[in-house]
Amino acid sequence: MYIGGDRLNRFLYISFALFMMIITSGCGMTVLDPEGTVGEQQRDLIILSITFMLIIVLVVLILLTYFLVKYRERDGHRGYDPNIDGSVKLEVIWTAIPIAIVTVLSIPTVYTIFNIEEVPEASTENEEPLVVHATSSNWMWIFSYPEEDIETINYLNIPVDRPVLFKLTSADSMASFWVPQLGGQRYNMAGMETELYLQAGTEGTYYGRNANYTGEGFAEMRFDVNAIEESAFNEWVADVQEDAPELTQGIYDQFMVPGHVDEYTFSGTHLEWVDHAIDAEYAMEAWEREGYEPMNPHASDAPDGVPRLDIDVEAGSVETEDTQNEETPQEQDSHHHH
C-alpha cells in the first residue's frame, strides 16, 4: 500500500501524539509521586523501564519510516528476489538485540526486587522496624500492633522515617494491601502470611486500599495511613493503651461479619486468641456465633448493596443499616478521626 508523504507525516504525528498522551497521563498517578524509600526505588525502576522502552519504540518507528519510504511501490522499483537465502549477519543482529534488551532491563529489576525485601534504612534513632499485622476482612482492614498491644480498624498511625514491617494475612477472601505512595501491593491470603516493608519519608496521610477485587464492597475497602513524628506516635500509643476500649473476642467476632464499618481503636489485639495466618476457618466459625448466614448475591431474595455495620462496642452487639442511607465516601472522610 502506498502512503504519500503528507499522509505518512500526519499518521506518524497523530500516532506519536496519542502515544505521548497515554504515557503522560500516568504521571499524575501517586505511584510516580512516592513519599518513602521503597516507593522511590519502585518509581525509579518504572521510569527507567519506560525510558528504555520509549527509546526502543523510537528506533522502531524510525526504521519503519525508513523502510516505508525506501521500499514503497513506485515506478522503476525492481521488486524482490524470490531466491534470496537470507542473511546470517541480520539473523544474528535481530537475535542479539532482544537478548541485550532483556539483560539490560533484568539487572536493575532483580536488584530492586531483592533490595525492597530488606529493611529500609531508618532516618531516625529508632532503627528497629515497627511491626503491624494487616488483616483483610470483607470489607474492612484490621491493623494489629503486637508490641504496643493496640488494634485499629480502617486506619493506622506510623512514625515518619521509621521502617514498618507489615505482616499480611486475610480472615476470608484474598485481598491485596496497597498504599500507592509508599510502595507496591502485596497479597493477603487466609491461612498464610506475607511480609512487606514500607517507610514514609514525609508526614501526611496516605490512602491505602484493597487492590484485588473481592465483590460488591470492594470499592470502599479503603484505609488511611497517617505518618506522624515518633514522639506523636508514642503519645498516641500511650493514649490508646489508657483510654481505648478493650478488644474482646466477642467484639472482634462482629468484625468478621461482611460489611462496611467506620474507624475503631482498641487496646489489645485479636492475636491473643487467633492468628488468621494459621487458622483460616476462624471467620466462618465467628459467622456461626454471630448468626450470620452467607447468601448468594444473585439470589432473588439477596439484599441490595453492602450493609454498613454499626458495632456497639459497649453492648457487644452488631446492627446493620440499609445501604440506601449509607454515607458517601466524601461524607465519611469528613467524619474520620485519628
Protein backbone atom coordinates (compact mmCIF):
# COMPACT_ATOMS: atom_id res chain seq x y z
CA MET A 1 0.00 0.00 0.00
CA TYR A 2 1.33 3.40 -0.96
CA ILE A 3 1.34 6.11 1.68
CA GLY A 4 2.01 9.62 0.40
CA GLY A 5 4.47 11.88 2.18
CA ASP A 6 1.86 14.21 3.71
CA ARG A 7 -0.38 11.31 4.73
CA LEU A 8 2.56 9.46 6.27
CA ASN A 9 3.65 12.51 8.24
CA ARG A 10 0.10 13.06 9.51
CA PHE A 11 -0.19 9.39 10.50
CA LEU A 12 3.10 9.45 12.39
CA TYR A 13 2.26 12.75 14.09
CA ILE A 14 -1.14 11.54 15.29
CA SER A 15 0.31 8.21 16.45
CA PHE A 16 3.08 9.93 18.39
CA ALA A 17 0.64 12.43 19.96
CA LEU A 18 -1.69 9.64 21.10
CA PHE A 19 1.24 7.65 22.45
CA MET A 20 2.54 10.60 24.47
CA MET A 21 -0.95 11.31 25.83
CA ILE A 22 -1.16 7.74 27.10
CA ILE A 23 2.30 7.89 28.66
CA THR A 24 2.00 11.32 30.29
CA SER A 25 -1.49 10.62 31.60
CA GLY A 26 0.09 8.27 34.15
CA CYS A 27 2.46 10.92 35.50
CA GLY A 28 -0.22 12.20 37.83
CA MET A 29 -0.59 8.80 39.47
CA THR A 30 0.54 8.65 43.05
CA VAL A 31 2.85 5.72 42.31
CA LEU A 32 5.05 8.23 40.46
CA ASP A 33 4.96 10.64 43.41
CA PRO A 34 6.28 8.43 46.25
CA GLU A 35 6.93 9.58 49.81
CA GLY A 36 9.12 6.72 51.01
CA THR A 37 12.30 4.87 50.16
CA VAL A 38 10.52 1.72 48.91
CA GLY A 39 8.19 3.72 46.66
CA GLU A 40 11.13 5.77 45.36
CA GLN A 41 13.04 2.66 44.31
CA GLN A 42 9.99 1.31 42.51
CA ARG A 43 9.34 4.67 40.84
CA ASP A 44 12.94 4.84 39.59
CA LEU A 45 12.60 1.35 38.13
CA ILE A 46 9.32 2.27 36.41
CA ILE A 47 10.82 5.45 34.90
CA LEU A 48 13.95 3.58 33.78
CA SER A 49 11.84 0.89 32.11
CA ILE A 50 9.54 3.41 30.40
CA THR A 51 12.51 5.48 29.16
CA PHE A 52 14.26 2.41 27.83
CA MET A 53 11.12 1.20 26.08
CA LEU A 54 10.47 4.66 24.60
CA ILE A 55 13.94 4.57 23.07
CA ILE A 56 13.16 1.17 21.56
CA VAL A 57 9.82 2.39 20.21
CA LEU A 58 11.51 5.47 18.73
CA VAL A 59 14.12 3.32 16.96
CA VAL A 60 11.40 1.03 15.61
CA LEU A 61 9.37 4.00 14.32
CA ILE A 62 12.44 5.45 12.61
CA LEU A 63 13.22 2.11 10.95
CA LEU A 64 9.57 1.68 9.99
CA THR A 65 9.53 5.11 8.36
CA TYR A 66 12.81 4.39 6.58
CA PHE A 67 11.59 1.10 5.09
CA LEU A 68 8.19 2.52 4.16
CA VAL A 69 9.85 5.29 2.20
CA LYS A 70 12.76 3.33 0.74
CA TYR A 71 10.79 0.28 -0.37
CA ARG A 72 7.48 1.90 -1.28
CA GLU A 73 5.88 0.90 -4.55
CA ARG A 74 6.99 3.30 -7.28
CA ASP A 75 7.99 3.49 -10.91
CA GLY A 76 11.24 1.73 -11.63
CA HIS A 77 11.09 -0.42 -8.49
CA ARG A 78 12.93 -3.62 -9.33
CA GLY A 79 10.89 -5.83 -6.98
CA TYR A 80 12.21 -8.57 -4.73
CA ASP A 81 14.38 -11.55 -5.50
CA PRO A 82 12.44 -14.70 -4.53
CA ASN A 83 15.66 -16.74 -4.49
CA ILE A 84 17.24 -14.82 -1.58
CA ASP A 85 18.51 -17.24 1.09
CA GLY A 86 18.66 -14.72 3.96
CA SER A 87 21.45 -13.04 5.83
CA VAL A 88 23.34 -14.64 8.68
CA LYS A 89 24.50 -11.19 9.77
CA LEU A 90 20.94 -9.88 10.06
CA GLU A 91 19.78 -13.04 11.84
CA VAL A 92 22.50 -12.61 14.47
CA ILE A 93 21.68 -8.90 14.92
CA TRP A 94 17.95 -9.30 15.48
CA THR A 95 18.54 -12.23 17.82
CA ALA A 96 21.22 -10.45 19.86
CA ILE A 97 19.29 -7.18 20.26
CA PRO A 98 16.31 -8.70 22.20
CA ILE A 99 18.74 -10.64 24.41
CA ALA A 100 20.61 -7.42 25.18
CA ILE A 101 17.35 -5.57 25.91
CA VAL A 102 16.12 -8.24 28.32
CA THR A 103 19.52 -8.33 30.03
CA VAL A 104 19.71 -4.56 30.48
CA LEU A 105 16.18 -4.44 31.95
CA SER A 106 16.56 -7.52 34.15
CA ILE A 107 19.62 -6.31 36.08
CA PRO A 108 18.01 -3.24 37.76
CA THR A 109 14.72 -5.15 38.11
CA VAL A 110 16.28 -8.04 40.03
CA TYR A 111 18.37 -5.62 42.12
CA THR A 112 15.30 -3.59 43.11
CA ILE A 113 13.20 -6.68 43.89
CA PHE A 114 15.83 -8.03 46.27
CA ASN A 115 16.58 -4.60 47.76
CA ILE A 116 12.98 -3.81 48.75
CA GLU A 117 12.82 -7.11 50.64
CA GLU A 118 15.39 -5.72 53.06
CA VAL A 119 14.63 -3.38 55.96
CA PRO A 120 14.68 0.23 54.67
CA GLU A 121 17.41 2.37 56.16
CA ALA A 122 15.97 4.35 59.06
CA SER A 123 16.38 8.13 59.18
CA THR A 124 15.72 8.23 62.92
CA GLU A 125 17.46 6.89 66.00
CA ASN A 126 14.91 4.08 66.28
CA GLU A 127 16.13 1.74 63.55
CA GLU A 128 14.01 -1.22 64.63
CA PRO A 129 11.03 -1.64 62.27
CA LEU A 130 7.54 -1.18 63.66
CA VAL A 131 5.62 -4.46 63.29
CA VAL A 132 2.00 -4.20 62.16
CA HIS A 133 -0.25 -7.14 61.31
CA ALA A 134 -2.59 -6.07 58.48
CA THR A 135 -5.60 -8.40 58.24
CA SER A 136 -8.16 -8.01 55.48
CA SER A 137 -11.79 -8.97 56.04
CA ASN A 138 -14.72 -8.33 53.71
CA TRP A 139 -14.82 -5.32 53.51
CA MET A 140 -12.55 -3.73 56.09
CA TRP A 141 -8.92 -3.59 57.25
CA ILE A 142 -7.76 -4.64 60.72
CA PHE A 143 -4.36 -3.42 61.94
CA SER A 144 -2.72 -5.01 64.98
CA TYR A 145 0.31 -3.61 66.81
CA PRO A 146 1.51 -6.63 68.84
CA GLU A 147 4.37 -4.82 70.59
CA GLU A 148 2.17 -1.84 71.53
CA ASP A 149 -0.84 -4.11 72.26
CA ILE A 150 -3.35 -1.98 70.32
CA GLU A 151 -5.57 -2.54 67.31
CA THR A 152 -7.22 -0.19 64.81
CA ILE A 153 -9.85 -0.63 62.13
CA ASN A 154 -9.63 1.08 58.73
CA TYR A 155 -6.75 3.38 59.67
CA LEU A 156 -3.29 3.18 61.17
CA ASN A 157 -0.67 5.57 62.51
CA ILE A 158 3.01 5.05 61.79
CA PRO A 159 6.14 7.02 62.73
CA VAL A 160 7.66 9.01 59.88
CA ASP A 161 11.13 7.90 58.67
CA ARG A 162 10.89 4.58 60.53
CA PRO A 163 10.62 1.27 58.66
CA VAL A 164 7.35 -0.61 59.09
CA LEU A 165 7.12 -4.38 58.68
CA PHE A 166 3.61 -5.33 57.59
CA LYS A 167 2.62 -8.94 58.19
CA LEU A 168 -0.24 -9.59 55.80
CA THR A 169 -2.98 -12.18 56.02
CA SER A 170 -6.72 -12.44 55.44
CA ALA A 171 -9.68 -13.58 57.52
CA ASP A 172 -11.67 -14.65 54.45
CA SER A 173 -11.26 -13.90 50.73
CA MET A 174 -7.92 -12.95 49.16
CA ALA A 175 -7.20 -9.22 49.12
CA SER A 176 -4.22 -7.06 48.21
CA PHE A 177 -2.66 -4.46 50.52
CA TRP A 178 -1.65 -1.33 48.60
CA VAL A 179 -0.55 2.16 49.64
CA PRO A 180 0.44 3.66 46.24
CA GLN A 181 2.65 6.48 47.56
CA LEU A 182 4.59 4.20 49.88
CA GLY A 183 5.14 1.10 47.75
CA GLY A 184 3.72 -1.69 45.65
CA GLN A 185 0.96 -4.08 46.52
CA ARG A 186 1.18 -7.50 48.15
CA TYR A 187 -1.50 -10.15 48.64
CA ASN A 188 -3.36 -11.03 51.83
CA MET A 189 -4.38 -14.70 51.93
CA ALA A 190 -6.11 -16.72 54.63
CA GLY A 191 -4.01 -19.49 56.12
CA MET A 192 -0.69 -17.90 55.24
CA GLU A 193 1.36 -14.78 55.90
CA THR A 194 3.30 -12.49 53.55
CA GLU A 195 5.56 -9.61 54.55
CA LEU A 196 6.07 -6.12 53.16
CA TYR A 197 8.41 -3.34 54.24
CA LEU A 198 7.28 0.26 53.79
CA GLN A 199 8.53 3.59 55.08
CA ALA A 200 7.03 7.09 54.94
CA GLY A 201 9.59 9.83 54.42
CA THR A 202 7.21 12.76 54.93
CA GLU A 203 4.46 13.50 57.42
CA GLY A 204 0.97 13.23 55.98
CA THR A 205 -1.97 10.97 55.28
CA TYR A 206 -1.56 8.33 52.59
CA TYR A 207 -4.53 6.50 51.19
CA GLY A 208 -4.48 2.72 51.01
CA ARG A 209 -6.90 0.26 49.54
CA ASN A 210 -7.59 -3.29 48.51
CA ALA A 211 -6.18 -3.77 45.01
CA ASN A 212 -7.74 -7.20 44.46
CA TYR A 213 -11.44 -7.41 43.53
CA THR A 214 -13.41 -9.07 46.33
CA GLY A 215 -17.03 -8.50 45.40
CA GLU A 216 -19.57 -5.71 45.71
CA GLY A 217 -17.96 -3.99 48.69
CA PHE A 218 -14.52 -3.84 47.09
CA ALA A 219 -14.69 -0.18 46.03
CA GLU A 220 -14.96 1.11 49.60
CA MET A 221 -12.41 -1.22 51.15
CA ARG A 222 -10.01 1.63 51.92
CA PHE A 223 -7.89 2.85 54.81
CA ASP A 224 -5.75 5.83 55.84
CA VAL A 225 -2.08 5.68 56.76
CA ASN A 226 -1.15 8.64 58.99
CA ALA A 227 2.61 9.25 59.09
CA ILE A 228 3.44 11.29 62.19
CA GLU A 229 6.52 12.19 64.23
CA GLU A 230 7.89 9.45 66.50
CA SER A 231 7.06 11.47 69.62
CA ALA A 232 3.47 11.99 68.46
CA PHE A 233 3.20 8.29 67.68
CA ASN A 234 4.41 7.32 71.15
CA GLU A 235 1.92 9.73 72.69
CA TRP A 236 -0.90 8.25 70.60
CA VAL A 237 0.07 4.74 71.69
CA ALA A 238 0.03 5.76 75.35
CA ASP A 239 -3.39 7.41 74.97
CA VAL A 240 -4.86 4.34 73.26
CA GLN A 241 -3.47 1.97 75.88
CA GLU A 242 -5.00 4.08 78.64
CA ASP A 243 -8.33 5.27 77.18
CA ALA A 244 -9.42 2.98 74.32
CA PRO A 245 -11.95 0.20 74.97
CA GLU A 246 -10.52 -3.28 75.34
CA LEU A 247 -10.86 -5.59 72.35
CA THR A 248 -12.58 -8.83 73.33
CA GLN A 249 -13.24 -11.91 71.25
CA GLY A 250 -16.96 -11.13 71.27
CA ILE A 251 -16.35 -7.67 69.82
CA TYR A 252 -13.83 -8.98 67.31
CA ASP A 253 -16.25 -11.64 66.04
CA GLN A 254 -18.58 -8.85 64.96
CA PHE A 255 -15.92 -7.51 62.60
CA MET A 256 -15.87 -10.88 60.86
CA VAL A 257 -19.39 -10.24 59.53
CA PRO A 258 -19.02 -8.95 55.93
CA GLY A 259 -19.88 -5.27 55.60
CA HIS A 260 -18.51 -1.75 55.85
CA VAL A 261 -17.51 -0.17 59.16
CA ASP A 262 -16.18 3.17 60.37
CA GLU A 263 -12.84 3.63 62.11
CA TYR A 264 -12.31 1.99 65.51
CA THR A 265 -9.48 1.94 68.04
CA PHE A 266 -8.92 -0.70 70.73
CA SER A 267 -6.43 -1.68 73.39
CA GLY A 268 -5.40 -5.30 72.97
CA THR A 269 -5.24 -7.29 69.74
CA HIS A 270 -7.03 -10.29 68.27
CA LEU A 271 -3.66 -12.07 68.09
CA GLU A 272 -4.29 -13.13 71.70
CA TRP A 273 -6.83 -15.73 70.53
CA VAL A 274 -6.45 -16.13 66.75
CA ASP A 275 -3.83 -15.80 64.04
CA HIS A 276 -5.58 -15.95 60.66
CA ALA A 277 -2.31 -16.95 59.03
CA ILE A 278 -2.66 -20.24 60.93
CA ASP A 279 -6.41 -20.56 61.42
CA ALA A 280 -8.08 -19.94 58.06
CA GLU A 281 -11.55 -21.00 59.25
CA TYR A 282 -11.95 -18.64 62.20
CA ALA A 283 -14.15 -16.18 60.27
CA MET A 284 -16.66 -18.89 59.35
CA GLU A 285 -16.81 -20.03 62.98
CA ALA A 286 -17.40 -16.40 64.02
CA TRP A 287 -20.28 -16.19 61.48
CA GLU A 288 -21.97 -19.07 63.28
CA ARG A 289 -21.50 -17.43 66.66
CA GLU A 290 -22.93 -14.16 65.29
CA GLY A 291 -25.82 -15.87 63.50
CA TYR A 292 -24.67 -14.68 60.08
CA GLU A 293 -25.62 -16.82 57.10
CA PRO A 294 -23.79 -16.19 53.80
CA MET A 295 -26.15 -15.63 50.88
CA ASN A 296 -25.70 -15.90 47.14
CA PRO A 297 -25.63 -12.26 45.94
CA HIS A 298 -27.50 -13.32 42.79
CA ALA A 299 -30.38 -14.93 44.70
CA SER A 300 -33.83 -13.36 44.28
CA ASP A 301 -34.07 -12.52 47.99
CA ALA A 302 -30.50 -11.19 48.29
CA PRO A 303 -30.30 -7.73 49.91
CA ASP A 304 -29.36 -4.76 47.77
CA GLY A 305 -25.93 -3.30 48.38
CA VAL A 306 -23.38 -3.95 51.11
CA PRO A 307 -24.58 -3.35 54.71
CA ARG A 308 -22.86 -0.88 56.97
CA LEU A 309 -22.20 -2.50 60.33
CA ASP A 310 -22.91 -0.36 63.37
CA ILE A 311 -20.95 -2.08 66.11
CA ASP A 312 -21.83 -1.18 69.68
CA VAL A 313 -18.56 -1.77 71.46
CA GLU A 314 -20.04 -1.41 74.96
CA ALA A 315 -23.12 -3.58 74.38
CA GLY A 316 -21.21 -6.10 72.31
CA SER A 317 -23.87 -6.24 69.59
CA VAL A 318 -23.84 -5.50 65.90
CA GLU A 319 -26.57 -3.93 63.83
CA THR A 320 -26.80 -3.46 60.07
CA GLU A 321 -28.05 -0.38 58.31
CA ASP A 322 -29.67 -0.19 54.88
CA THR A 323 -27.07 0.93 52.34
CA GLN A 324 -29.60 3.34 50.87
CA ASN A 325 -28.91 5.50 53.92
CA GLU A 326 -25.19 4.90 53.72
CA GLU A 327 -22.92 7.94 53.73
CA THR A 328 -20.95 8.76 50.63
CA PRO A 329 -17.15 8.30 50.76
CA GLN A 330 -16.81 12.11 50.89
CA GLU A 331 -19.11 12.32 53.92
CA GLN A 332 -17.20 9.50 55.61
CA ASP A 333 -13.90 11.30 55.05
CA SER A 334 -15.28 14.38 56.82
CA HIS A 335 -16.05 12.25 59.89
CA HIS A 336 -12.66 10.47 60.10
CA HIS A 337 -10.93 10.72 63.43
CA HIS A 338 -7.36 9.68 64.14
